[in-house]
Amino acid sequence: MKRGGGLLVAGTTSDAGKSVVTAGICRWLVRQGVKVAPFKGQNMSLNSFVTREGAEIGRAQAMQAQAARVEPTALMNPVLLKPGSDRSSQVVLMGKPVGELSARGYHGGRQQALLGTVVECLEELRSTYDAVICEGAGSPAEINLRRTDIVNMGIARAARFPVVVVGDIDRGGVFAQFFGTTALLAPEDQELVAGYLVNKFRGDVTLLEPGLDMLLDLTGRRTLGVLPYAHGLGIDEEDGLRVSLRGAVRESVVAPPAGEDVLRVAVCAVPLMSNFTDVDALAAEPGVVVRFVDRPEELADADLVVVPGTRGTVRALAWLRERGLAEAIARRAAEGRPVLGICGGFQALGEHIDDEVESRAGAVEGLGLLPVRVRFAPEKTLARPVGEALGERVEGYEIHHGVADVRGGEPFLDGCRVGAVWGTHWHGSLESDGFRRAFLAQVARAAGRRFVPAPGTSFGALREEQLDRLGDLIEEHADTDALWKLIERGAPAGLPFVPPGAP
């Protein structure tokens, strides 16, 4: 494969499966000996990651880099938007925050100004890798945003990359979505739409074939694969805003517990929840059941309560109090029942917060469960710390404006522990296998559960298995010959125009 080829994986909707398809194509290619990198020009997500050079990028792109077996860098996600409300986001450019913008301000001019930076990053990757697999955002047929687009057809046209459109058939309406997406694009954009991928199909593919044939007749474009619904992938999700639904359960490995009891983990689904992927490592443990909750009675049977990261610590504190969760957590702490706060959750468990940066609320009292005072600084801490806790080596990453002044308790990573209440800014610490097992053993003792951490669970190995499953989905259910040709040669000439086109 000649250097610099690639394609764009677009979607008919958000959550159509662009992230996992991109990761699957990356894993399939690297297994063929291709040096490949992922890319997403602009990402909107509360799940982020810190690269080794200290840049913040979308967690999905870090996962895709792992699928490609390369080190993630800021080049792979030059623009990251981190929502702070329904109308504004923090703009992270090349891994560093550069300010807050309203949606109108961003789409009104700032976004288009970033196209040059995005194209430069893509071209640098193309000069280094044999192939670059780009992920789009939302739908390329957002006709109200096309003029300033830098992540869908804007980047495809700039790079002359072919586009494969992914549709989620499990939601229904996939044929209308494929046709409508194509028909709402300008002729110059339609020239690059080379085919479709059906995602999350259940049942007999032969029943789908008449529809695929009609879609070919209507659009002149083939469906390049029908990917079956795959359970239990547990791959990093992109947007924390969509996971604040009560009762959402993280999928666990299908394996019996090593001890006599299971361990129940309740994660408070705080507003603007960020890096909820922290609990994936818990869900990967046999016998650990993880669920998201938003009512105090749902904490009653939990052996561990996690207050996760959030883009709005002060807002999360108010939410915990309004819901009665703050009182329930305080009762747990008084009873010696385990509570873990991570990043914003750690800050909320402290005594006092001074925030003139994130919420601009000024002085706010925390839950008072840990001897910590937090001051929000304009500069964001972005780091990849390594340390030790419970006698085990721990690796993590930090993404926060809050600076913690720890005034007591037992040291715990960069935070502290008082009784059964633990707090740290470190995301990803539970992915360290030895530490996770030691922590769960302490939780089980405090909760009075006869739970035993499975000795052989490797989160890294499980993640590799999941990424291989994504590669298998592409290899076994997609037309890989057609994908290979698109990556090498671009979109075929003479693809028909589907009226009416962009208005």
Protein backbone atom coordinates (compact mmCIF):
# COMPACT_ATOMS: atom_id res chain seq x y z
CA MET A 1 0.00 0.00 0.00
CA LYS A 2 1.42 3.38 -0.99
CA ARG A 3 1.88 5.97 1.75
CA GLY A 4 -0.80 8.57 2.41
CA GLY A 5 -3.98 6.73 1.48
CA GLY A 6 -7.09 6.71 3.61
CA LEU A 7 -10.81 7.09 3.92
CA LEU A 8 -13.44 8.80 6.03
CA VAL A 9 -15.92 6.77 8.09
CA ALA A 10 -19.06 8.90 8.26
CA GLY A 11 -22.38 8.04 9.90
CA THR A 12 -26.04 8.57 9.20
CA THR A 13 -26.47 9.67 12.84
CA SER A 14 -24.54 10.10 16.05
CA ASP A 15 -23.85 6.71 17.63
CA ALA A 16 -24.21 4.90 14.31
CA GLY A 17 -20.95 3.09 15.06
CA LYS A 18 -18.31 5.32 13.46
CA SER A 19 -15.86 5.00 16.36
CA VAL A 20 -15.91 1.20 16.50
CA VAL A 21 -15.86 0.79 12.71
CA THR A 22 -12.86 3.13 12.50
CA ALA A 23 -11.12 1.11 15.23
CA GLY A 24 -12.04 -2.13 13.48
CA ILE A 25 -10.60 -0.97 10.16
CA CYS A 26 -7.42 0.18 11.95
CA ARG A 27 -7.01 -3.22 13.64
CA TRP A 28 -7.72 -5.09 10.37
CA LEU A 29 -5.15 -3.00 8.49
CA VAL A 30 -2.39 -3.29 11.08
CA ARG A 31 -2.85 -7.07 11.04
CA GLN A 32 -2.17 -6.87 7.28
CA GLY A 33 1.13 -5.14 7.95
CA VAL A 34 -0.14 -1.63 7.15
CA LYS A 35 1.18 1.29 9.20
CA VAL A 36 -2.09 3.05 10.00
CA ALA A 37 -3.25 5.96 12.16
CA PRO A 38 -6.72 7.15 13.24
CA PHE A 39 -7.86 10.75 12.86
CA LYS A 40 -10.81 12.89 13.89
CA GLY A 41 -10.54 16.55 13.00
CA GLN A 42 -13.06 17.73 15.58
CA ASN A 43 -14.49 15.75 18.44
CA MET A 44 -17.17 16.67 20.99
CA SER A 45 -16.75 14.51 24.06
CA LEU A 46 -16.43 14.53 27.83
CA ASN A 47 -14.35 11.35 27.67
CA SER A 48 -10.77 12.39 27.02
CA PHE A 49 -7.23 11.08 27.43
CA VAL A 50 -3.76 12.52 27.98
CA THR A 51 -1.04 11.57 25.52
CA ARG A 52 2.58 11.05 26.56
CA GLU A 53 3.47 14.56 25.42
CA GLY A 54 0.76 15.96 27.72
CA ALA A 55 -1.94 16.68 25.13
CA GLU A 56 -5.66 16.12 25.76
CA ILE A 57 -7.51 14.25 23.00
CA GLY A 58 -10.76 12.31 22.70
CA ARG A 59 -10.69 8.97 24.45
CA ALA A 60 -12.15 7.30 21.33
CA GLN A 61 -9.10 8.38 19.31
CA ALA A 62 -6.79 6.99 21.99
CA MET A 63 -8.68 3.69 21.72
CA GLN A 64 -8.38 3.76 17.92
CA ALA A 65 -4.65 4.40 18.23
CA GLN A 66 -4.43 1.30 20.41
CA ALA A 67 -6.34 -0.59 17.73
CA ALA A 68 -3.73 0.63 15.23
CA ARG A 69 -0.92 -0.29 17.68
CA VAL A 70 0.52 3.22 17.64
CA GLU A 71 1.03 5.84 20.33
CA PRO A 72 -1.78 8.44 20.38
CA THR A 73 -0.82 12.05 19.67
CA ALA A 74 -2.56 15.40 19.40
CA LEU A 75 -2.31 15.14 15.59
CA MET A 76 -5.01 12.46 15.72
CA ASN A 77 -7.59 14.81 17.27
CA PRO A 78 -6.54 18.45 16.79
CA VAL A 79 -9.86 19.95 17.97
CA LEU A 80 -11.72 18.67 21.03
CA LEU A 81 -14.89 20.32 22.34
CA LYS A 82 -15.78 19.62 25.97
CA PRO A 83 -19.36 20.69 26.75
CA GLY A 84 -19.84 22.78 29.87
CA SER A 85 -23.54 23.41 29.24
CA ASP A 86 -26.12 22.95 26.51
CA ARG A 87 -24.80 26.06 24.77
CA SER A 88 -21.06 26.31 25.37
CA SER A 89 -17.94 24.18 25.28
CA GLN A 90 -14.30 24.42 26.19
CA VAL A 91 -12.21 24.37 23.01
CA VAL A 92 -9.09 22.22 23.22
CA LEU A 93 -6.72 22.90 20.32
CA MET A 94 -3.76 20.60 19.71
CA GLY A 95 -4.22 19.17 23.17
CA LYS A 96 -4.40 22.45 25.12
CA PRO A 97 -7.48 24.46 26.20
CA VAL A 98 -7.78 27.81 24.42
CA GLY A 99 -11.06 29.10 25.84
CA GLU A 100 -14.83 28.70 26.13
CA LEU A 101 -17.11 29.36 23.18
CA SER A 102 -20.84 29.29 22.64
CA ALA A 103 -22.14 27.04 19.88
CA ARG A 104 -23.04 30.15 17.88
CA GLY A 105 -19.58 31.62 18.37
CA TYR A 106 -17.84 28.41 17.37
CA HIS A 107 -19.92 27.64 14.29
CA GLY A 108 -20.17 31.33 13.45
CA GLY A 109 -16.54 31.59 12.41
CA ARG A 110 -14.08 29.96 14.79
CA GLN A 111 -14.63 26.46 13.40
CA GLN A 112 -13.90 27.40 9.79
CA ALA A 113 -10.74 29.19 10.92
CA LEU A 114 -9.47 25.88 12.29
CA LEU A 115 -9.76 24.02 8.98
CA GLY A 116 -6.16 24.86 8.06
CA THR A 117 -4.86 23.38 11.32
CA VAL A 118 -6.98 20.25 10.89
CA VAL A 119 -5.79 19.70 7.30
CA GLU A 120 -2.16 20.27 8.32
CA CYS A 121 -2.45 17.60 11.03
CA LEU A 122 -4.00 15.14 8.60
CA GLU A 123 -1.29 15.82 6.02
CA GLU A 124 1.43 15.27 8.62
CA LEU A 125 -0.10 11.89 9.49
CA ARG A 126 -0.38 11.02 5.78
CA SER A 127 3.33 11.77 5.31
CA THR A 128 4.18 9.34 8.13
CA TYR A 129 1.66 6.50 7.78
CA ASP A 130 0.63 4.22 4.94
CA ALA A 131 -3.04 4.93 5.67
CA VAL A 132 -5.10 7.29 7.81
CA ILE A 133 -8.63 6.24 8.79
CA CYS A 134 -10.70 9.31 9.61
CA GLU A 135 -13.83 9.34 11.73
CA GLY A 136 -16.57 11.82 11.01
CA ALA A 137 -18.92 13.41 13.53
CA GLY A 138 -22.70 13.19 13.71
CA SER A 139 -23.94 13.14 10.11
CA PRO A 140 -22.31 14.63 6.99
CA ALA A 141 -25.79 15.79 5.94
CA GLU A 142 -26.13 18.45 8.65
CA ILE A 143 -26.94 21.01 5.97
CA ASN A 144 -27.10 23.85 8.48
CA LEU A 145 -23.44 23.28 9.40
CA ARG A 146 -21.92 22.26 6.04
CA ARG A 147 -20.43 25.69 5.28
CA THR A 148 -18.09 25.52 8.28
CA ASP A 149 -17.59 21.73 8.41
CA ILE A 150 -14.06 20.56 9.28
CA VAL A 151 -14.76 16.96 10.28
CA ASN A 152 -17.03 15.35 7.67
CA MET A 153 -17.21 16.30 3.98
CA GLY A 154 -15.05 19.37 4.58
CA ILE A 155 -12.05 17.23 5.47
CA ALA A 156 -12.93 14.51 2.94
CA ARG A 157 -12.99 17.08 0.14
CA ALA A 158 -9.77 18.72 1.32
CA ALA A 159 -7.95 15.35 1.37
CA ARG A 160 -9.87 13.82 -1.57
CA PHE A 161 -10.67 10.86 0.68
CA PRO A 162 -13.43 8.40 -0.19
CA VAL A 163 -16.30 8.21 2.29
CA VAL A 164 -18.02 5.13 3.67
CA VAL A 165 -21.30 5.89 5.46
CA VAL A 166 -22.23 3.73 8.48
CA GLY A 167 -25.86 3.20 9.52
CA ASP A 168 -27.25 1.57 12.67
CA ILE A 169 -29.96 -0.82 11.48
CA ASP A 170 -30.86 -1.74 15.06
CA ARG A 171 -32.55 1.67 15.36
CA GLY A 172 -34.56 1.16 12.16
CA GLY A 173 -34.86 3.30 9.05
CA VAL A 174 -31.37 2.58 7.78
CA PHE A 175 -32.28 2.57 4.06
CA ALA A 176 -33.94 5.98 4.31
CA GLN A 177 -30.92 7.23 6.25
CA PHE A 178 -28.45 6.04 3.60
CA PHE A 179 -30.48 7.48 0.75
CA GLY A 180 -31.31 10.73 2.52
CA THR A 181 -27.74 11.30 3.68
CA THR A 182 -26.46 10.96 0.12
CA ALA A 183 -29.28 12.98 -1.47
CA LEU A 184 -28.69 15.96 0.86
CA LEU A 185 -25.05 16.36 -0.16
CA ALA A 186 -23.74 18.71 -2.83
CA PRO A 187 -22.60 17.07 -6.09
CA GLU A 188 -18.93 17.64 -5.18
CA ASP A 189 -19.46 15.83 -1.87
CA GLN A 190 -21.50 13.02 -3.41
CA GLU A 191 -18.53 12.26 -5.70
CA LEU A 192 -16.67 11.04 -2.62
CA VAL A 193 -19.44 8.90 -1.06
CA ALA A 194 -18.26 5.48 -2.19
CA GLY A 195 -20.51 3.07 -0.29
CA TYR A 196 -22.35 2.07 2.85
CA LEU A 197 -21.82 -0.16 5.89
CA VAL A 198 -24.77 -1.60 7.81
CA ASN A 199 -24.02 -1.88 11.53
CA LYS A 200 -25.65 -3.86 14.37
CA PHE A 201 -27.65 -6.28 12.20
CA ARG A 202 -29.53 -9.14 13.88
CA GLY A 203 -30.94 -12.05 11.91
CA ASP A 204 -30.69 -13.55 8.43
CA VAL A 205 -28.70 -11.38 6.02
CA THR A 206 -30.53 -12.83 3.02
CA LEU A 207 -33.67 -11.04 4.18
CA LEU A 208 -31.76 -7.76 3.92
CA GLU A 209 -30.38 -8.32 0.43
CA PRO A 210 -33.41 -7.10 -1.58
CA GLY A 211 -33.19 -3.76 0.22
CA LEU A 212 -29.46 -3.53 -0.45
CA ASP A 213 -30.08 -4.21 -4.15
CA MET A 214 -32.72 -1.46 -4.29
CA LEU A 215 -30.37 0.93 -2.49
CA LEU A 216 -27.74 0.22 -5.16
CA ASP A 217 -30.28 0.94 -7.90
CA LEU A 218 -31.34 4.18 -6.24
CA THR A 219 -27.88 5.55 -5.43
CA GLY A 220 -25.42 3.68 -7.62
CA ARG A 221 -23.43 2.77 -4.52
CA ARG A 222 -22.78 -0.66 -3.02
CA THR A 223 -23.16 -1.71 0.58
CA LEU A 224 -19.67 -2.82 1.55
CA GLY A 225 -20.63 -4.94 4.53
CA VAL A 226 -23.29 -5.94 7.03
CA LEU A 227 -21.78 -6.05 10.51
CA PRO A 228 -23.63 -8.19 13.06
CA TYR A 229 -24.70 -6.89 16.45
CA ALA A 230 -21.78 -7.61 18.80
CA HIS A 231 -22.48 -7.91 22.52
CA GLY A 232 -20.08 -7.02 25.31
CA LEU A 233 -17.53 -4.99 23.37
CA GLY A 234 -17.15 -2.44 26.19
CA ILE A 235 -15.21 -0.12 23.88
CA ASP A 236 -14.69 3.49 24.99
CA GLU A 237 -17.72 5.62 24.29
CA GLU A 238 -17.48 9.15 23.08
CA ASP A 239 -20.08 11.31 24.74
CA GLY A 240 -20.74 11.32 28.47
CA LEU A 241 -23.90 13.40 28.01
CA ARG A 242 -25.76 10.38 26.66
CA VAL A 243 -24.91 8.08 29.53
CA SER A 244 -26.64 9.97 32.33
CA LEU A 245 -29.69 7.71 32.08
CA ARG A 246 -30.68 6.06 35.35
CA GLY A 247 -30.02 2.33 35.43
CA ALA A 248 -27.53 2.20 32.57
CA VAL A 249 -25.36 -0.85 33.22
CA ARG A 250 -21.78 -1.33 32.06
CA GLU A 251 -21.41 -4.70 30.41
CA SER A 252 -19.31 -7.13 32.40
CA VAL A 253 -17.40 -10.17 31.24
CA VAL A 254 -19.53 -13.29 31.36
CA ALA A 255 -17.70 -15.18 34.06
CA PRO A 256 -18.69 -16.32 37.54
CA PRO A 257 -17.18 -14.57 40.57
CA ALA A 258 -14.01 -16.08 42.01
CA GLY A 259 -15.47 -15.90 45.54
CA GLU A 260 -18.90 -16.60 46.97
CA ASP A 261 -20.34 -13.08 46.52
CA VAL A 262 -20.63 -10.52 43.77
CA LEU A 263 -19.63 -6.92 44.39
CA ARG A 264 -22.11 -4.19 43.47
CA VAL A 265 -20.83 -0.80 42.31
CA ALA A 266 -23.14 2.22 42.00
CA VAL A 267 -21.84 5.14 39.92
CA CYS A 268 -23.57 8.48 40.53
CA ALA A 269 -24.64 9.73 37.10
CA VAL A 270 -23.68 13.35 37.78
CA PRO A 271 -24.34 16.08 35.21
CA LEU A 272 -21.60 16.53 32.59
CA MET A 273 -20.12 13.20 33.65
CA SER A 274 -16.62 12.85 32.18
CA ASN A 275 -14.33 9.87 31.77
CA PHE A 276 -16.96 7.44 33.00
CA THR A 277 -14.74 4.89 31.25
CA ASP A 278 -12.86 4.79 34.57
CA VAL A 279 -15.34 2.17 35.77
CA ASP A 280 -14.85 -0.11 32.75
CA ALA A 281 -11.96 -1.79 34.52
CA LEU A 282 -14.29 -2.61 37.43
CA ALA A 283 -16.92 -4.01 35.06
CA ALA A 284 -14.23 -6.22 33.51
CA GLU A 285 -13.75 -8.06 36.82
CA PRO A 286 -15.71 -11.32 37.13
CA GLY A 287 -18.35 -10.87 39.79
CA VAL A 288 -18.39 -7.04 39.74
CA VAL A 289 -21.70 -5.48 38.68
CA VAL A 290 -21.57 -1.79 37.71
CA ARG A 291 -24.63 0.42 37.25
CA PHE A 292 -25.30 4.15 36.96
CA VAL A 293 -27.76 5.61 39.47
CA ASP A 294 -29.47 8.90 40.24
CA ARG A 295 -31.58 8.13 43.34
CA PRO A 296 -30.45 7.67 46.96
CA GLU A 297 -32.34 4.40 47.44
CA GLU A 298 -30.22 2.87 44.69
CA LEU A 299 -27.16 3.18 46.93
CA ALA A 300 -28.66 0.95 49.62
CA ASP A 301 -27.36 -2.37 48.28
CA ALA A 302 -24.16 -0.97 46.75
CA ASP A 303 -20.85 -2.21 48.14
CA LEU A 304 -18.99 0.68 46.54
CA VAL A 305 -20.27 4.10 45.46
CA VAL A 306 -18.24 5.97 42.85
CA VAL A 307 -18.58 9.72 42.36
CA PRO A 308 -16.99 10.08 38.91
CA GLY A 309 -15.34 12.90 37.04
CA THR A 310 -17.42 15.81 35.77
CA ARG A 311 -16.92 18.92 33.68
CA GLY A 312 -18.99 20.79 36.27
CA THR A 313 -17.96 20.02 39.86
CA VAL A 314 -20.12 22.74 41.44
CA ARG A 315 -23.11 21.76 39.32
CA ALA A 316 -22.58 18.10 40.28
CA LEU A 317 -22.48 19.05 43.96
CA ALA A 318 -25.81 20.85 43.66
CA TRP A 319 -27.28 17.85 41.82
CA LEU A 320 -26.09 15.43 44.52
CA ARG A 321 -27.76 17.57 47.16
CA GLU A 322 -30.97 18.09 45.22
CA ARG A 323 -31.34 14.36 44.63
CA GLY A 324 -30.65 13.37 48.22
CA LEU A 325 -27.53 11.51 47.12
CA ALA A 326 -25.21 13.77 49.12
CA GLU A 327 -26.96 12.81 52.36
CA ALA A 328 -26.94 9.12 51.42
CA ILE A 329 -23.21 9.25 50.64
CA ALA A 330 -22.50 11.00 53.95
CA ARG A 331 -24.41 8.26 55.81
CA ARG A 332 -22.34 5.61 54.02
CA ALA A 333 -19.13 7.33 55.06
CA ALA A 334 -20.26 7.51 58.69
CA GLU A 335 -21.07 3.79 58.59
CA GLY A 336 -17.64 2.92 57.13
CA ARG A 337 -19.06 1.84 53.76
CA PRO A 338 -16.77 2.46 50.76
CA VAL A 339 -16.96 5.59 48.61
CA LEU A 340 -14.51 6.51 45.82
CA GLY A 341 -14.29 9.99 44.29
CA ILE A 342 -12.40 10.45 41.01
CA CYS A 343 -11.29 13.88 39.75
CA GLY A 344 -14.42 16.09 39.99
CA GLY A 345 -15.93 13.48 42.32
CA PHE A 346 -12.84 13.74 44.53
CA GLN A 347 -13.21 17.52 44.60
CA ALA A 348 -16.90 17.22 45.57
CA LEU A 349 -16.00 14.99 48.54
CA GLY A 350 -13.71 17.70 49.94
CA GLU A 351 -14.46 20.48 52.43
CA HIS A 352 -14.37 23.60 50.29
CA ILE A 353 -14.18 24.66 46.64
CA ASP A 354 -13.12 28.06 45.32
CA ASP A 355 -14.16 28.20 41.67
CA GLU A 356 -13.78 31.37 39.61
CA VAL A 357 -12.89 29.35 36.48
CA GLU A 358 -15.27 26.51 35.65
CA SER A 359 -18.60 27.60 37.21
CA ARG A 360 -17.48 31.05 38.43
CA ALA A 361 -19.54 30.31 41.55
CA GLY A 362 -16.80 31.44 43.93
CA ALA A 363 -16.76 29.79 47.37
CA VAL A 364 -18.79 26.60 47.64
CA GLU A 365 -18.88 24.07 50.45
CA GLY A 366 -18.11 20.48 49.51
CA LEU A 367 -19.51 17.33 51.11
CA GLY A 368 -16.86 17.50 53.83
CA LEU A 369 -15.92 13.81 53.74
CA LEU A 370 -12.24 14.38 52.94
CA PRO A 371 -9.85 17.01 54.41
CA VAL A 372 -9.28 18.70 51.07
CA ARG A 373 -9.70 22.29 49.86
CA VAL A 374 -9.84 22.87 46.10
CA ARG A 375 -8.99 26.02 44.16
CA PHE A 376 -9.73 26.14 40.45
CA ALA A 377 -6.79 27.45 38.41
CA PRO A 378 -7.01 28.92 34.89
CA GLU A 379 -4.35 26.48 33.70
CA LYS A 380 -5.46 22.90 33.19
CA THR A 381 -3.37 20.10 34.70
CA LEU A 382 -2.62 17.49 32.03
CA ALA A 383 -0.31 14.72 33.18
CA ARG A 384 0.48 11.00 33.05
CA PRO A 385 1.51 10.21 36.66
CA VAL A 386 2.95 6.95 37.93
CA GLY A 387 2.93 6.02 41.61
CA GLU A 388 2.13 3.39 44.19
CA ALA A 389 -0.91 2.62 46.33
CA LEU A 390 -1.85 -0.39 48.46
CA GLY A 391 1.60 -1.78 47.72
CA GLU A 392 0.98 -1.86 43.96
CA ARG A 393 2.28 0.18 41.03
CA VAL A 394 -0.33 2.53 39.57
CA GLU A 395 -0.47 4.47 36.30
CA GLY A 396 -3.06 7.13 35.54
CA TYR A 397 -3.73 10.41 33.81
CA GLU A 398 -4.88 13.80 35.08
CA ILE A 399 -7.25 16.30 33.42
CA HIS A 400 -8.45 19.03 35.78
CA HIS A 401 -8.46 22.73 36.63
CA GLY A 402 -8.96 22.08 40.34
CA VAL A 403 -5.85 22.20 42.52
CA ALA A 404 -6.25 20.12 45.68
CA ASP A 405 -4.77 21.16 49.01
CA VAL A 406 -4.82 17.89 50.99
CA ARG A 407 -4.76 18.67 54.71
CA GLY A 408 -4.94 15.27 56.32
CA GLY A 409 -5.99 11.68 55.97
CA GLU A 410 -3.91 8.81 54.68
CA PRO A 411 -2.11 9.52 51.37
CA PHE A 412 -3.79 7.89 48.37
CA LEU A 413 -2.19 8.57 44.97
CA ASP A 414 -2.39 12.41 44.73
CA GLY A 415 -5.38 12.54 47.08
CA CYS A 416 -6.21 10.95 50.38
CA ARG A 417 -8.23 8.37 52.26
CA VAL A 418 -10.24 8.75 55.45
CA GLY A 419 -11.76 5.51 56.68
CA ALA A 420 -13.65 3.98 53.76
CA VAL A 421 -13.71 7.22 51.72
CA TRP A 422 -11.08 7.50 48.98
CA GLY A 423 -10.32 10.37 46.62
CA THR A 424 -7.90 10.99 43.75
CA HIS A 425 -7.56 13.10 40.61
CA TRP A 426 -6.10 10.13 38.73
CA HIS A 427 -8.23 8.77 35.92
CA GLY A 428 -7.39 5.29 34.65
CA SER A 429 -5.84 4.09 37.91
CA LEU A 430 -8.20 1.10 38.09
CA GLU A 431 -6.73 -0.21 34.83
CA SER A 432 -3.61 -1.16 36.84
CA ASP A 433 -4.45 -4.79 37.56
CA GLY A 434 -2.63 -5.32 40.85
CA PHE A 435 -3.92 -2.09 42.34
CA ARG A 436 -7.49 -2.77 41.19
CA ARG A 437 -7.47 -6.21 42.82
CA ALA A 438 -6.02 -4.83 46.07
CA PHE A 439 -8.59 -2.02 46.11
CA LEU A 440 -11.52 -4.36 45.47
CA ALA A 441 -10.29 -6.70 48.20
CA GLN A 442 -10.38 -3.79 50.67
CA VAL A 443 -13.84 -2.76 49.43
CA ALA A 444 -15.10 -6.32 49.90
CA ARG A 445 -13.77 -6.47 53.46
CA ALA A 446 -15.34 -3.14 54.37
CA ALA A 447 -18.64 -4.19 52.77
CA GLY A 448 -18.64 -7.58 54.48
CA ARG A 449 -18.75 -9.42 51.14
CA ARG A 450 -17.11 -12.76 50.45
CA PHE A 451 -15.92 -11.44 47.13
CA VAL A 452 -12.48 -12.44 45.85
CA PRO A 453 -10.87 -10.60 42.90
CA ALA A 454 -10.08 -13.03 40.09
CA PRO A 455 -6.28 -13.38 40.12
CA GLY A 456 -5.75 -13.55 36.37
CA THR A 457 -7.83 -10.64 35.09
CA SER A 458 -5.78 -8.37 32.82
CA PHE A 459 -7.63 -5.28 31.69
CA GLY A 460 -5.05 -4.64 28.98
CA ALA A 461 -5.44 -8.17 27.61
CA LEU A 462 -9.23 -7.87 27.67
CA ARG A 463 -9.03 -4.58 25.76
CA GLU A 464 -6.80 -6.22 23.16
CA GLU A 465 -9.31 -9.05 22.78
CA GLN A 466 -12.09 -6.49 22.26
CA LEU A 467 -10.08 -4.64 19.62
CA ASP A 468 -9.32 -7.94 17.86
CA ARG A 469 -13.06 -8.65 17.82
CA LEU A 470 -13.57 -5.33 16.03
CA GLY A 471 -10.91 -6.29 13.50
CA ASP A 472 -12.63 -9.65 13.05
CA LEU A 473 -15.97 -7.92 12.36
CA ILE A 474 -14.38 -6.00 9.48
CA GLU A 475 -12.39 -8.94 8.16
CA GLU A 476 -15.30 -11.39 8.26
CA HIS A 477 -18.29 -9.20 7.40
CA ALA A 478 -17.02 -6.32 5.23
CA ASP A 479 -15.77 -6.34 1.66
CA THR A 480 -12.14 -5.83 2.56
CA ASP A 481 -11.00 -5.92 -1.08
CA ALA A 482 -13.28 -2.96 -1.80
CA LEU A 483 -12.09 -1.12 1.32
CA TRP A 484 -8.46 -1.72 0.35
CA LYS A 485 -9.05 -0.26 -3.13
CA LEU A 486 -10.79 2.80 -1.68
CA ILE A 487 -7.92 3.45 0.74
CA GLU A 488 -5.33 3.10 -2.02
CA ARG A 489 -7.10 4.68 -4.99
CA GLY A 490 -9.83 6.92 -3.62
CA ALA A 491 -13.47 7.04 -4.65
CA PRO A 492 -14.23 5.51 -8.06
CA ALA A 493 -14.96 7.93 -10.87
CA GLY A 494 -18.46 8.33 -12.25
CA LEU A 495 -20.53 7.82 -9.11
CA PRO A 496 -24.03 9.05 -9.96
CA PHE A 497 -25.59 12.18 -8.50
CA VAL A 498 -28.62 11.54 -6.28
CA PRO A 499 -31.04 14.48 -6.42
CA PRO A 500 -31.91 16.92 -5.03
CA GLY A 501 -28.47 17.57 -3.54
CA ALA A 502 -27.72 20.25 -0.95
CA PRO A 503 -30.26 23.11 -0.96
